[in-house]
PDB file of N, CA and C in Angstrom:
ATOM      1  N   MET A   1      25.422  -7.018  13.690  1.00  0.00           N
ATOM      2  CA  MET A   1      26.150  -5.848  13.254  1.00  0.00           C
ATOM      3  C   MET A   1      25.274  -4.620  13.413  1.00  0.00           C
ATOM      4  N   PHE A   2      25.755  -3.680  14.168  1.00  0.00           N
ATOM      5  CA  PHE A   2      25.009  -2.457  14.382  1.00  0.00           C
ATOM      6  C   PHE A   2      25.265  -1.478  13.253  1.00  0.00           C
ATOM      7  N   GLY A   3      24.288  -0.633  12.972  1.00  0.00           N
ATOM      8  CA  GLY A   3      24.452   0.388  11.953  1.00  0.00           C
ATOM      9  C   GLY A   3      24.109  -0.070  10.551  1.00  0.00           C
ATOM     10  N   ILE A   4      23.815  -1.346  10.374  1.00  0.00           N
ATOM     11  CA  ILE A   4      23.440  -1.838   9.047  1.00  0.00           C
ATOM     12  C   ILE A   4      21.921  -1.902   8.984  1.00  0.00           C
ATOM     13  N   LYS A   5      21.371  -1.186   8.033  1.00  0.00           N
ATOM     14  CA  LYS A   5      19.923  -1.110   7.871  1.00  0.00           C
ATOM     15  C   LYS A   5      19.468  -2.149   6.850  1.00  0.00           C
ATOM     16  N   LYS A   6      18.405  -2.853   7.180  1.00  0.00           N
ATOM     17  CA  LYS A   6      17.828  -3.795   6.222  1.00  0.00           C
ATOM     18  C   LYS A   6      17.293  -3.026   5.022  1.00  0.00           C
ATOM     19  N   ASN A   7      17.271  -3.689   3.881  1.00  0.00           N
ATOM     20  CA  ASN A   7      16.770  -3.056   2.666  1.00  0.00           C
ATOM     21  C   ASN A   7      15.243  -3.034   2.710  1.00  0.00           C
ATOM     22  N   VAL A   8      14.699  -1.956   3.303  1.00  0.00           N
ATOM     23  CA  VAL A   8      13.252  -1.817   3.457  1.00  0.00           C
ATOM     24  C   VAL A   8      12.841  -0.462   2.898  1.00  0.00           C
ATOM     25  N   ASN A   9      11.807  -0.440   2.086  1.00  0.00           N
ATOM     26  CA  ASN A   9      11.279   0.801   1.523  1.00  0.00           C
ATOM     27  C   ASN A   9       9.950   1.125   2.181  1.00  0.00           C
ATOM     28  N   GLU A  10       9.756   2.391   2.490  1.00  0.00           N
ATOM     29  CA  GLU A  10       8.481   2.871   3.023  1.00  0.00           C
ATOM     30  C   GLU A  10       7.772   3.623   1.897  1.00  0.00           C
ATOM     31  N   ILE A  11       6.519   3.271   1.639  1.00  0.00           N
ATOM     32  CA  ILE A  11       5.746   3.898   0.573  1.00  0.00           C
ATOM     33  C   ILE A  11       4.370   4.280   1.132  1.00  0.00           C
ATOM     34  N   SER A  12       3.916   5.477   0.785  1.00  0.00           N
ATOM     35  CA  SER A  12       2.555   5.901   1.115  1.00  0.00           C
ATOM     36  C   SER A  12       1.754   5.967  -0.174  1.00  0.00           C
ATOM     37  N   VAL A  13       0.535   5.435  -0.134  1.00  0.00           N
ATOM     38  CA  VAL A  13      -0.328   5.432  -1.312  1.00  0.00           C
ATOM     39  C   VAL A  13      -1.636   6.123  -0.937  1.00  0.00           C
ATOM     40  N   LEU A  14      -1.942   7.217  -1.635  1.00  0.00           N
ATOM     41  CA  LEU A  14      -3.202   7.920  -1.409  1.00  0.00           C
ATOM     42  C   LEU A  14      -4.255   7.306  -2.315  1.00  0.00           C
ATOM     43  N   ILE A  15      -5.427   6.979  -1.720  1.00  0.00           N
ATOM     44  CA  ILE A  15      -6.446   6.190  -2.413  1.00  0.00           C
ATOM     45  C   ILE A  15      -7.800   6.880  -2.323  1.00  0.00           C
ATOM     46  N   ASP A  16      -8.465   7.008  -3.457  1.00  0.00           N
ATOM     47  CA  ASP A  16      -9.799   7.599  -3.512  1.00  0.00           C
ATOM     48  C   ASP A  16     -10.832   6.491  -3.640  1.00  0.00           C
ATOM     49  N   GLY A  17     -11.963   6.659  -2.954  1.00  0.00           N
ATOM     50  CA  GLY A  17     -13.067   5.714  -3.099  1.00  0.00           C
ATOM     51  C   GLY A  17     -13.345   4.877  -1.867  1.00  0.00           C
ATOM     52  N   MET A  18     -12.434   4.891  -0.889  1.00  0.00           N
ATOM     53  CA  MET A  18     -12.684   4.125   0.334  1.00  0.00           C
ATOM     54  C   MET A  18     -13.632   4.927   1.230  1.00  0.00           C
ATOM     55  N   THR A  19     -14.751   4.306   1.623  1.00  0.00           N
ATOM     56  CA  THR A  19     -15.745   5.025   2.419  1.00  0.00           C
ATOM     57  C   THR A  19     -16.038   4.382   3.772  1.00  0.00           C
ATOM     58  N   CYS A  20     -15.575   3.142   3.976  1.00  0.00           N
ATOM     59  CA  CYS A  20     -15.900   2.444   5.218  1.00  0.00           C
ATOM     60  C   CYS A  20     -14.789   1.458   5.583  1.00  0.00           C
ATOM     61  N   GLN A  21     -14.936   0.828   6.741  1.00  0.00           N
ATOM     62  CA  GLN A  21     -13.948  -0.147   7.194  1.00  0.00           C
ATOM     63  C   GLN A  21     -13.857  -1.341   6.247  1.00  0.00           C
ATOM     64  N   HIS A  22     -14.978  -1.697   5.630  1.00  0.00           N
ATOM     65  CA  HIS A  22     -14.964  -2.803   4.675  1.00  0.00           C
ATOM     66  C   HIS A  22     -14.056  -2.461   3.494  1.00  0.00           C
ATOM     67  N   CYS A  23     -14.171  -1.227   3.005  1.00  0.00           N
ATOM     68  CA  CYS A  23     -13.324  -0.776   1.886  1.00  0.00           C
ATOM     69  C   CYS A  23     -11.849  -0.839   2.264  1.00  0.00           C
ATOM     70  N   SER A  24     -11.516  -0.288   3.416  1.00  0.00           N
ATOM     71  CA  SER A  24     -10.109  -0.255   3.820  1.00  0.00           C
ATOM     72  C   SER A  24      -9.576  -1.668   4.052  1.00  0.00           C
ATOM     73  N   ALA A  25     -10.412  -2.553   4.556  1.00  0.00           N
ATOM     74  CA  ALA A  25      -9.983  -3.941   4.769  1.00  0.00           C
ATOM     75  C   ALA A  25      -9.720  -4.637   3.430  1.00  0.00           C
ATOM     76  N   ARG A  26     -10.550  -4.361   2.419  1.00  0.00           N
ATOM     77  CA  ARG A  26     -10.334  -4.940   1.079  1.00  0.00           C
ATOM     78  C   ARG A  26      -9.010  -4.476   0.489  1.00  0.00           C
ATOM     79  N   VAL A  27      -8.731  -3.166   0.613  1.00  0.00           N
ATOM     80  CA  VAL A  27      -7.491  -2.614   0.075  1.00  0.00           C
ATOM     81  C   VAL A  27      -6.291  -3.212   0.818  1.00  0.00           C
ATOM     82  N   GLU A  28      -6.381  -3.268   2.138  1.00  0.00           N
ATOM     83  CA  GLU A  28      -5.279  -3.814   2.938  1.00  0.00           C
ATOM     84  C   GLU A  28      -5.013  -5.276   2.577  1.00  0.00           C
ATOM     85  N   LYS A  29      -6.071  -6.062   2.441  1.00  0.00           N
ATOM     86  CA  LYS A  29      -5.919  -7.473   2.083  1.00  0.00           C
ATOM     87  C   LYS A  29      -5.276  -7.621   0.702  1.00  0.00           C
ATOM     88  N   ALA A  30      -5.732  -6.810  -0.255  1.00  0.00           N
ATOM     89  CA  ALA A  30      -5.181  -6.881  -1.616  1.00  0.00           C
ATOM     90  C   ALA A  30      -3.698  -6.520  -1.627  1.00  0.00           C
ATOM     91  N   LEU A  31      -3.339  -5.431  -0.938  1.00  0.00           N
ATOM     92  CA  LEU A  31      -1.932  -5.014  -0.908  1.00  0.00           C
ATOM     93  C   LEU A  31      -1.056  -6.044  -0.201  1.00  0.00           C
ATOM     94  N   ASN A  32      -1.556  -6.623   0.875  1.00  0.00           N
ATOM     95  CA  ASN A  32      -0.783  -7.639   1.602  1.00  0.00           C
ATOM     96  C   ASN A  32      -0.611  -8.922   0.810  1.00  0.00           C
ATOM     97  N   SER A  33      -1.393  -9.093  -0.250  1.00  0.00           N
ATOM     98  CA  SER A  33      -1.239 -10.283  -1.096  1.00  0.00           C
ATOM     99  C   SER A  33      -0.038 -10.164  -2.043  1.00  0.00           C
ATOM    100  N   ILE A  34       0.510  -8.947  -2.180  1.00  0.00           N
ATOM    101  CA  ILE A  34       1.701  -8.743  -3.009  1.00  0.00           C
ATOM    102  C   ILE A  34       2.918  -9.205  -2.217  1.00  0.00           C
ATOM    103  N   SER A  35       3.707 -10.073  -2.807  1.00  0.00           N
ATOM    104  CA  SER A  35       4.885 -10.619  -2.141  1.00  0.00           C
ATOM    105  C   SER A  35       5.832  -9.508  -1.695  1.00  0.00           C
ATOM    106  N   GLY A  36       6.227  -9.554  -0.417  1.00  0.00           N
ATOM    107  CA  GLY A  36       7.196  -8.603   0.111  1.00  0.00           C
ATOM    108  C   GLY A  36       6.607  -7.336   0.691  1.00  0.00           C
ATOM    109  N   ILE A  37       5.271  -7.193   0.636  1.00  0.00           N
ATOM    110  CA  ILE A  37       4.627  -5.979   1.150  1.00  0.00           C
ATOM    111  C   ILE A  37       3.882  -6.266   2.439  1.00  0.00           C
ATOM    112  N   LYS A  38       4.027  -5.345   3.394  1.00  0.00           N
ATOM    113  CA  LYS A  38       3.216  -5.326   4.607  1.00  0.00           C
ATOM    114  C   LYS A  38       2.486  -3.996   4.569  1.00  0.00           C
ATOM    115  N   ALA A  39       1.154  -4.034   4.480  1.00  0.00           N
ATOM    116  CA  ALA A  39       0.359  -2.817   4.326  1.00  0.00           C
ATOM    117  C   ALA A  39      -0.525  -2.577   5.542  1.00  0.00           C
ATOM    118  N   LYS A  40      -0.710  -1.287   5.846  1.00  0.00           N
ATOM    119  CA  LYS A  40      -1.650  -0.862   6.871  1.00  0.00           C
ATOM    120  C   LYS A  40      -2.413   0.320   6.290  1.00  0.00           C
ATOM    121  N   VAL A  41      -3.746   0.218   6.226  1.00  0.00           N
ATOM    122  CA  VAL A  41      -4.577   1.254   5.615  1.00  0.00           C
ATOM    123  C   VAL A  41      -5.195   2.129   6.706  1.00  0.00           C
ATOM    124  N   ASN A  42      -5.142   3.446   6.474  1.00  0.00           N
ATOM    125  CA  ASN A  42      -5.762   4.420   7.362  1.00  0.00           C
ATOM    126  C   ASN A  42      -6.954   5.016   6.611  1.00  0.00           C
ATOM    127  N   LEU A  43      -8.162   4.647   7.020  1.00  0.00           N
ATOM    128  CA  LEU A  43      -9.378   5.084   6.327  1.00  0.00           C
ATOM    129  C   LEU A  43      -9.566   6.592   6.419  1.00  0.00           C
ATOM    130  N   GLU A  44      -9.335   7.188   7.586  1.00  0.00           N
ATOM    131  CA  GLU A  44      -9.527   8.630   7.758  1.00  0.00           C
ATOM    132  C   GLU A  44      -8.643   9.442   6.820  1.00  0.00           C
ATOM    133  N   GLU A  45      -7.397   9.008   6.655  1.00  0.00           N
ATOM    134  CA  GLU A  45      -6.456   9.726   5.803  1.00  0.00           C
ATOM    135  C   GLU A  45      -6.536   9.278   4.341  1.00  0.00           C
ATOM    136  N   LYS A  46      -7.346   8.229   4.086  1.00  0.00           N
ATOM    137  CA  LYS A  46      -7.464   7.655   2.729  1.00  0.00           C
ATOM    138  C   LYS A  46      -6.085   7.297   2.189  1.00  0.00           C
ATOM    139  N   LYS A  47      -5.329   6.581   3.032  1.00  0.00           N
ATOM    140  CA  LYS A  47      -3.938   6.296   2.707  1.00  0.00           C
ATOM    141  C   LYS A  47      -3.551   4.900   3.162  1.00  0.00           C
ATOM    142  N   ALA A  48      -2.693   4.265   2.366  1.00  0.00           N
ATOM    143  CA  ALA A  48      -2.089   2.989   2.746  1.00  0.00           C
ATOM    144  C   ALA A  48      -0.604   3.228   2.964  1.00  0.00           C
ATOM    145  N   ASN A  49      -0.090   2.755   4.082  1.00  0.00           N
ATOM    146  CA  ASN A  49       1.334   2.821   4.360  1.00  0.00           C
ATOM    147  C   ASN A  49       1.913   1.435   4.135  1.00  0.00           C
ATOM    148  N   LEU A  50       2.892   1.360   3.239  1.00  0.00           N
ATOM    149  CA  LEU A  50       3.485   0.082   2.871  1.00  0.00           C
ATOM    150  C   LEU A  50       4.921   0.003   3.352  1.00  0.00           C
ATOM    151  N   THR A  51       5.280  -1.162   3.846  1.00  0.00           N
ATOM    152  CA  THR A  51       6.666  -1.488   4.139  1.00  0.00           C
ATOM    153  C   THR A  51       7.033  -2.606   3.180  1.00  0.00           C
ATOM    154  N   CYS A  52       7.998  -2.341   2.317  1.00  0.00           N
ATOM    155  CA  CYS A  52       8.365  -3.287   1.265  1.00  0.00           C
ATOM    156  C   CYS A  52       9.752  -3.857   1.526  1.00  0.00           C
ATOM    157  N   LYS A  53       9.839  -5.172   1.568  1.00  0.00           N
ATOM    158  CA  LYS A  53      11.124  -5.839   1.768  1.00  0.00           C
ATOM    159  C   LYS A  53      11.870  -6.051   0.466  1.00  0.00           C
ATOM    160  N   LYS A  54      11.164  -5.832  -0.652  1.00  0.00           N
ATOM    161  CA  LYS A  54      11.807  -5.907  -1.959  1.00  0.00           C
ATOM    162  C   LYS A  54      11.186  -4.845  -2.844  1.00  0.00           C
ATOM    163  N   GLU A  55      11.808  -4.571  -3.966  1.00  0.00           N
ATOM    164  CA  GLU A  55      11.327  -3.515  -4.869  1.00  0.00           C
ATOM    165  C   GLU A  55       9.990  -3.916  -5.485  1.00  0.00           C
ATOM    166  N   VAL A  56       9.027  -3.014  -5.385  1.00  0.00           N
ATOM    167  CA  VAL A  56       7.706  -3.206  -5.975  1.00  0.00           C
ATOM    168  C   VAL A  56       7.410  -1.954  -6.796  1.00  0.00           C
ATOM    169  N   SER A  57       7.017  -2.139  -8.052  1.00  0.00           N
ATOM    170  CA  SER A  57       6.788  -0.997  -8.934  1.00  0.00           C
ATOM    171  C   SER A  57       5.493  -0.263  -8.585  1.00  0.00           C
ATOM    172  N   ASP A  58       5.469   1.012  -8.926  1.00  0.00           N
ATOM    173  CA  ASP A  58       4.254   1.804  -8.755  1.00  0.00           C
ATOM    174  C   ASP A  58       3.106   1.192  -9.538  1.00  0.00           C
ATOM    175  N   GLU A  59       3.413   0.664 -10.723  1.00  0.00           N
ATOM    176  CA  GLU A  59       2.382   0.070 -11.572  1.00  0.00           C
ATOM    177  C   GLU A  59       1.732  -1.146 -10.898  1.00  0.00           C
ATOM    178  N   THR A  60       2.543  -1.946 -10.217  1.00  0.00           N
ATOM    179  CA  THR A  60       2.021  -3.124  -9.510  1.00  0.00           C
ATOM    180  C   THR A  60       1.078  -2.702  -8.391  1.00  0.00           C
ATOM    181  N   ILE A  61       1.488  -1.705  -7.626  1.00  0.00           N
ATOM    182  CA  ILE A  61       0.670  -1.211  -6.520  1.00  0.00           C
ATOM    183  C   ILE A  61      -0.641  -0.623  -7.061  1.00  0.00           C
ATOM    184  N   LYS A  62      -0.523   0.212  -8.085  1.00  0.00           N
ATOM    185  CA  LYS A  62      -1.695   0.869  -8.670  1.00  0.00           C
ATOM    186  C   LYS A  62      -2.671  -0.160  -9.237  1.00  0.00           C
ATOM    187  N   LYS A  63      -2.174  -1.136  -9.974  1.00  0.00           N
ATOM    188  CA  LYS A  63      -3.032  -2.166 -10.577  1.00  0.00           C
ATOM    189  C   LYS A  63      -3.761  -2.965  -9.495  1.00  0.00           C
ATOM    190  N   CYS A  64      -3.060  -3.303  -8.438  1.00  0.00           N
ATOM    191  CA  CYS A  64      -3.651  -4.072  -7.333  1.00  0.00           C
ATOM    192  C   CYS A  64      -4.857  -3.342  -6.751  1.00  0.00           C
ATOM    193  N   ILE A  65      -4.713  -2.050  -6.535  1.00  0.00           N
ATOM    194  CA  ILE A  65      -5.788  -1.254  -5.935  1.00  0.00           C
ATOM    195  C   ILE A  65      -6.912  -1.003  -6.937  1.00  0.00           C
ATOM    196  N   GLU A  66      -6.550  -0.676  -8.161  1.00  0.00           N
ATOM    197  CA  GLU A  66      -7.576  -0.384  -9.163  1.00  0.00           C
ATOM    198  C   GLU A  66      -8.358  -1.623  -9.581  1.00  0.00           C
ATOM    199  N   ASP A  67      -7.733  -2.803  -9.498  1.00  0.00           N
ATOM    200  CA  ASP A  67      -8.427  -4.053  -9.830  1.00  0.00           C
ATOM    201  C   ASP A  67      -9.591  -4.342  -8.888  1.00  0.00           C
ATOM    202  N   ILE A  68      -9.575  -3.764  -7.686  1.00  0.00           N
ATOM    203  CA  ILE A  68     -10.683  -3.998  -6.748  1.00  0.00           C
ATOM    204  C   ILE A  68     -11.605  -2.778  -6.646  1.00  0.00           C
ATOM    205  N   GLY A  69     -11.420  -1.805  -7.566  1.00  0.00           N
ATOM    206  CA  GLY A  69     -12.393  -0.728  -7.702  1.00  0.00           C
ATOM    207  C   GLY A  69     -12.073   0.601  -7.058  1.00  0.00           C
ATOM    208  N   TYR A  70     -10.835   0.823  -6.638  1.00  0.00           N
ATOM    209  CA  TYR A  70     -10.464   2.090  -6.026  1.00  0.00           C
ATOM    210  C   TYR A  70      -9.450   2.809  -6.909  1.00  0.00           C
ATOM    211  N   THR A  71      -9.244   4.094  -6.655  1.00  0.00           N
ATOM    212  CA  THR A  71      -8.367   4.911  -7.485  1.00  0.00           C
ATOM    213  C   THR A  71      -7.162   5.389  -6.689  1.00  0.00           C
ATOM    214  N   VAL A  72      -5.975   5.164  -7.239  1.00  0.00           N
ATOM    215  CA  VAL A  72      -4.749   5.671  -6.631  1.00  0.00           C
ATOM    216  C   VAL A  72      -4.577   7.111  -7.106  1.00  0.00           C
ATOM    217  N   THR A  73      -4.470   8.050  -6.156  1.00  0.00           N
ATOM    218  CA  THR A  73      -4.298   9.445  -6.531  1.00  0.00           C
ATOM    219  C   THR A  73      -2.828   9.865  -6.456  1.00  0.00           C
ATOM    220  N   GLU A  74      -2.044   9.175  -5.622  1.00  0.00           N
ATOM    221  CA  GLU A  74      -0.623   9.519  -5.517  1.00  0.00           C
ATOM    222  C   GLU A  74       0.138   8.388  -4.818  1.00  0.00           C
ATOM    223  N   ILE A  75       1.368   8.171  -5.264  1.00  0.00           N
ATOM    224  CA  ILE A  75       2.265   7.223  -4.607  1.00  0.00           C
ATOM    225  C   ILE A  75       3.501   8.020  -4.182  1.00  0.00           C
ATOM    226  N   ILE A  76       3.794   7.991  -2.884  1.00  0.00           N
ATOM    227  CA  ILE A  76       4.910   8.767  -2.332  1.00  0.00           C
ATOM    228  C   ILE A  76       5.958   7.805  -1.823  1.00  0.00           C
ATOM    229  N   ARG A  77       7.162   7.901  -2.403  1.00  0.00           N
ATOM    230  CA  ARG A  77       8.276   7.045  -1.996  1.00  0.00           C
ATOM    231  C   ARG A  77       9.241   7.811  -1.146  1.00  0.00           C
TER     232      ARG A  77
END
């Protein structure tokens, strides 16, 4: 069926504290461990771009990142 869009949410997460590829890889791995999320981290922009196949709360995303030592500065839906 054409014209029917899958229920997918795009979320950008701005993250403070990432300084190297190791940092961005840790954040990407942690975010990808959340069910339904596909994450790609951009170190230069200090941002993670998430594609979510199901609803994920801001609190879940923030806790995931802060649990590994980084700070979420903004979540843009």
